[in-house]
C-alpha atoms as a PDB file:
ATOM      1  CA  MET A   1     -21.405  34.502 -20.212  1.00  0.00           C
ATOM      2  CA  VAL A   2     -20.873  34.142 -23.859  1.00  0.00           C
ATOM      3  CA  VAL A   3     -23.257  35.745 -26.786  1.00  0.00           C
ATOM      4  CA  ILE A   4     -22.778  34.406 -29.927  1.00  0.00           C
ATOM      5  CA  VAL A   5     -25.121  36.532 -33.109  1.00  0.00           C
ATOM      6  CA  GLU A   6     -25.544  36.309 -36.113  1.00  0.00           C
ATOM      7  CA  PHE A   7     -27.031  39.115 -38.684  1.00  0.00           C
ATOM      8  CA  SER A   8     -26.872  40.228 -41.843  1.00  0.00           C
ATOM      9  CA  VAL A   9     -26.707  43.951 -43.587  1.00  0.00           C
ATOM     10  CA  VAL A  10     -27.950  43.819 -46.676  1.00  0.00           C
ATOM     11  CA  PRO A  11     -28.471  47.159 -48.632  1.00  0.00           C
ATOM     12  CA  LEU A  12     -31.613  47.735 -51.288  1.00  0.00           C
ATOM     13  CA  GLY A  13     -31.433  49.310 -54.246  1.00  0.00           C
ATOM     14  CA  GLU A  14     -27.633  48.666 -54.577  1.00  0.00           C
ATOM     15  CA  GLY A  15     -27.897  46.622 -58.049  1.00  0.00           C
ATOM     16  CA  THR A  16     -26.900  42.911 -57.161  1.00  0.00           C
ATOM     17  CA  SER A  17     -23.388  42.762 -55.682  1.00  0.00           C
ATOM     18  CA  VAL A  18     -23.483  44.282 -52.471  1.00  0.00           C
ATOM     19  CA  SER A  19     -19.753  43.360 -51.833  1.00  0.00           C
ATOM     20  CA  ARG A  20     -18.374  46.854 -51.529  1.00  0.00           C
ATOM     21  CA  PHE A  21     -20.561  47.757 -48.643  1.00  0.00           C
ATOM     22  CA  VAL A  22     -20.327  44.084 -46.837  1.00  0.00           C
ATOM     23  CA  ALA A  23     -16.690  44.942 -46.640  1.00  0.00           C
ATOM     24  CA  LYS A  24     -17.136  48.663 -44.858  1.00  0.00           C
ATOM     25  CA  ALA A  25     -19.536  46.622 -41.710  1.00  0.00           C
ATOM     26  CA  VAL A  26     -16.715  43.577 -41.972  1.00  0.00           C
ATOM     27  CA  LYS A  27     -14.251  46.276 -42.049  1.00  0.00           C
ATOM     28  CA  GLU A  28     -16.448  48.083 -39.257  1.00  0.00           C
ATOM     29  CA  LEU A  29     -16.357  45.274 -37.037  1.00  0.00           C
ATOM     30  CA  GLU A  30     -12.152  44.575 -37.741  1.00  0.00           C
ATOM     31  CA  GLU A  31     -11.157  48.453 -36.118  1.00  0.00           C
ATOM     32  CA  ARG A  32     -13.028  47.257 -33.006  1.00  0.00           C
ATOM     33  CA  GLY A  33     -11.160  44.127 -31.656  1.00  0.00           C
ATOM     34  CA  VAL A  34     -14.336  42.417 -32.500  1.00  0.00           C
ATOM     35  CA  LYS A  35     -13.845  38.438 -32.704  1.00  0.00           C
ATOM     36  CA  HIS A  36     -15.298  37.217 -36.040  1.00  0.00           C
ATOM     37  CA  VAL A  37     -16.535  35.153 -39.488  1.00  0.00           C
ATOM     38  CA  THR A  38     -17.588  35.973 -42.422  1.00  0.00           C
ATOM     39  CA  THR A  39     -19.628  33.141 -44.450  1.00  0.00           C
ATOM     40  CA  PRO A  40     -21.032  33.715 -47.646  1.00  0.00           C
ATOM     41  CA  MET A  41     -24.573  34.614 -46.085  1.00  0.00           C
ATOM     42  CA  SER A  42     -23.195  35.873 -42.781  1.00  0.00           C
ATOM     43  CA  THR A  43     -21.182  37.436 -40.468  1.00  0.00           C
ATOM     44  CA  ILE A  44     -21.372  35.803 -36.824  1.00  0.00           C
ATOM     45  CA  ILE A  45     -20.009  37.780 -34.013  1.00  0.00           C
ATOM     46  CA  GLU A  46     -18.490  36.578 -30.048  1.00  0.00           C
ATOM     47  CA  GLU A  47     -19.232  38.998 -27.239  1.00  0.00           C
ATOM     48  CA  ASP A  48     -19.806  38.828 -23.576  1.00  0.00           C
ATOM     49  CA  ASP A  49     -22.110  40.245 -23.437  1.00  0.00           C
ATOM     50  CA  LEU A  50     -25.935  40.722 -25.468  1.00  0.00           C
ATOM     51  CA  GLU A  51     -25.633  44.450 -24.870  1.00  0.00           C
ATOM     52  CA  SER A  52     -21.890  44.810 -26.064  1.00  0.00           C
ATOM     53  CA  ALA A  53     -22.598  42.660 -28.977  1.00  0.00           C
ATOM     54  CA  LEU A  54     -25.600  44.994 -30.757  1.00  0.00           C
ATOM     55  CA  GLN A  55     -23.310  47.414 -30.230  1.00  0.00           C
ATOM     56  CA  HIS A  56     -21.301  46.377 -32.494  1.00  0.00           C
ATOM     57  CA  VAL A  57     -24.262  44.760 -35.498  1.00  0.00           C
ATOM     58  CA  ARG A  58     -25.467  48.658 -35.643  1.00  0.00           C
ATOM     59  CA  ALA A  59     -22.038  49.843 -36.010  1.00  0.00           C
ATOM     60  CA  ALA A  60     -21.867  47.579 -38.824  1.00  0.00           C
ATOM     61  CA  HIS A  61     -25.144  48.672 -40.062  1.00  0.00           C
ATOM     62  CA  GLU A  62     -24.376  52.270 -39.845  1.00  0.00           C
ATOM     63  CA  ALA A  63     -21.226  51.567 -42.309  1.00  0.00           C
ATOM     64  CA  VAL A  64     -22.819  50.907 -44.911  1.00  0.00           C
ATOM     65  CA  PHE A  65     -25.220  53.732 -44.019  1.00  0.00           C
ATOM     66  CA  LYS A  66     -21.392  55.451 -44.828  1.00  0.00           C
ATOM     67  CA  ALA A  67     -20.538  53.731 -47.150  1.00  0.00           C
ATOM     68  CA  GLY A  68     -23.292  55.060 -49.427  1.00  0.00           C
ATOM     69  CA  ALA A  69     -26.223  52.854 -48.555  1.00  0.00           C
ATOM     70  CA  LYS A  70     -29.353  54.743 -48.696  1.00  0.00           C
ATOM     71  CA  ARG A  71     -32.019  51.997 -47.015  1.00  0.00           C
ATOM     72  CA  VAL A  72     -30.227  48.722 -45.302  1.00  0.00           C
ATOM     73  CA  ILE A  73     -31.894  45.681 -43.752  1.00  0.00           C
ATOM     74  CA  THR A  74     -29.882  44.254 -40.769  1.00  0.00           C
ATOM     75  CA  VAL A  75     -31.446  40.370 -39.483  1.00  0.00           C
ATOM     76  CA  ILE A  76     -30.129  39.473 -36.476  1.00  0.00           C
ATOM     77  CA  LYS A  77     -30.040  35.883 -34.918  1.00  0.00           C
ATOM     78  CA  ILE A  78     -28.722  35.649 -31.372  1.00  0.00           C
ATOM     79  CA  ASP A  79     -26.953  32.321 -29.089  1.00  0.00           C
ATOM     80  CA  ASP A  80     -27.541  33.668 -25.465  1.00  0.00           C
ATOM     81  CA  ARG A  81     -26.638  30.938 -23.391  1.00  0.00           C
ATOM     82  CA  ARG A  82     -26.305  31.272 -19.737  1.00  0.00           C
ATOM     83  CA  ASP A  83     -25.808  28.739 -17.779  1.00  0.00           C
ATOM     84  CA  VAL A  84     -21.802  27.533 -19.593  1.00  0.00           C
ATOM     85  CA  LYS A  85     -19.934  29.439 -21.337  1.00  0.00           C
ATOM     86  CA  ARG A  86     -19.470  28.257 -24.819  1.00  0.00           C
ATOM     87  CA  THR A  87     -17.296  29.838 -27.902  1.00  0.00           C
ATOM     88  CA  MET A  88     -18.056  29.417 -31.630  1.00  0.00           C
ATOM     89  CA  GLU A  89     -15.392  26.878 -31.298  1.00  0.00           C
ATOM     90  CA  ASP A  90     -16.974  25.318 -28.094  1.00  0.00           C
ATOM     91  CA  LYS A  91     -19.855  24.155 -30.875  1.00  0.00           C
ATOM     92  CA  LEU A  92     -18.208  23.046 -33.634  1.00  0.00           C
ATOM     93  CA  LYS A  93     -15.981  20.606 -31.709  1.00  0.00           C
ATOM     94  CA  SER A  94     -19.170  19.885 -30.331  1.00  0.00           C
ATOM     95  CA  LEU A  95     -20.678  19.501 -33.793  1.00  0.00           C
ATOM     96  CA  GLU A  96     -17.590  16.815 -34.439  1.00  0.00           C
ATOM     97  CA  LYS A  97     -18.077  15.429 -31.989  1.00  0.00           C
ATOM     98  CA  ALA A  98     -21.468  13.987 -32.845  1.00  0.00           C
ATOM     99  CA  TRP A  99     -20.861  13.591 -36.695  1.00  0.00           C
ATOM    100  CA  ALA A 100     -18.017  11.601 -35.268  1.00  0.00           C
ATOM    101  CA  GLU A 101     -20.028   9.326 -33.086  1.00  0.00           C
ATOM    102  CA  ASP A 102     -23.173   8.703 -35.748  1.00  0.00           C
ATOM    103  CA  TYR A 103     -20.724   8.014 -38.481  1.00  0.00           C
END
């Protein structure tokens, strides 16, 4: 099955711009070869199982500490569907199809 996890890593007390910290988290995912999409508000990853996905989230979380943050909050949303294998692309295609049918 495929697990899709959306998460945001937020360093606290580091000023209004935190992109240098977020960049370290994303770089960690890239070094691990994780399939991911980064948006202005979060990062979405895709993995074969929940345990692996959460290990990647933890690594991204830790990368922000390694970059010098003293406090980090990570918010996680998990889409764990076990009846059908659905990738990020599959979900978008389904949305596009529904959009086209309605309009």
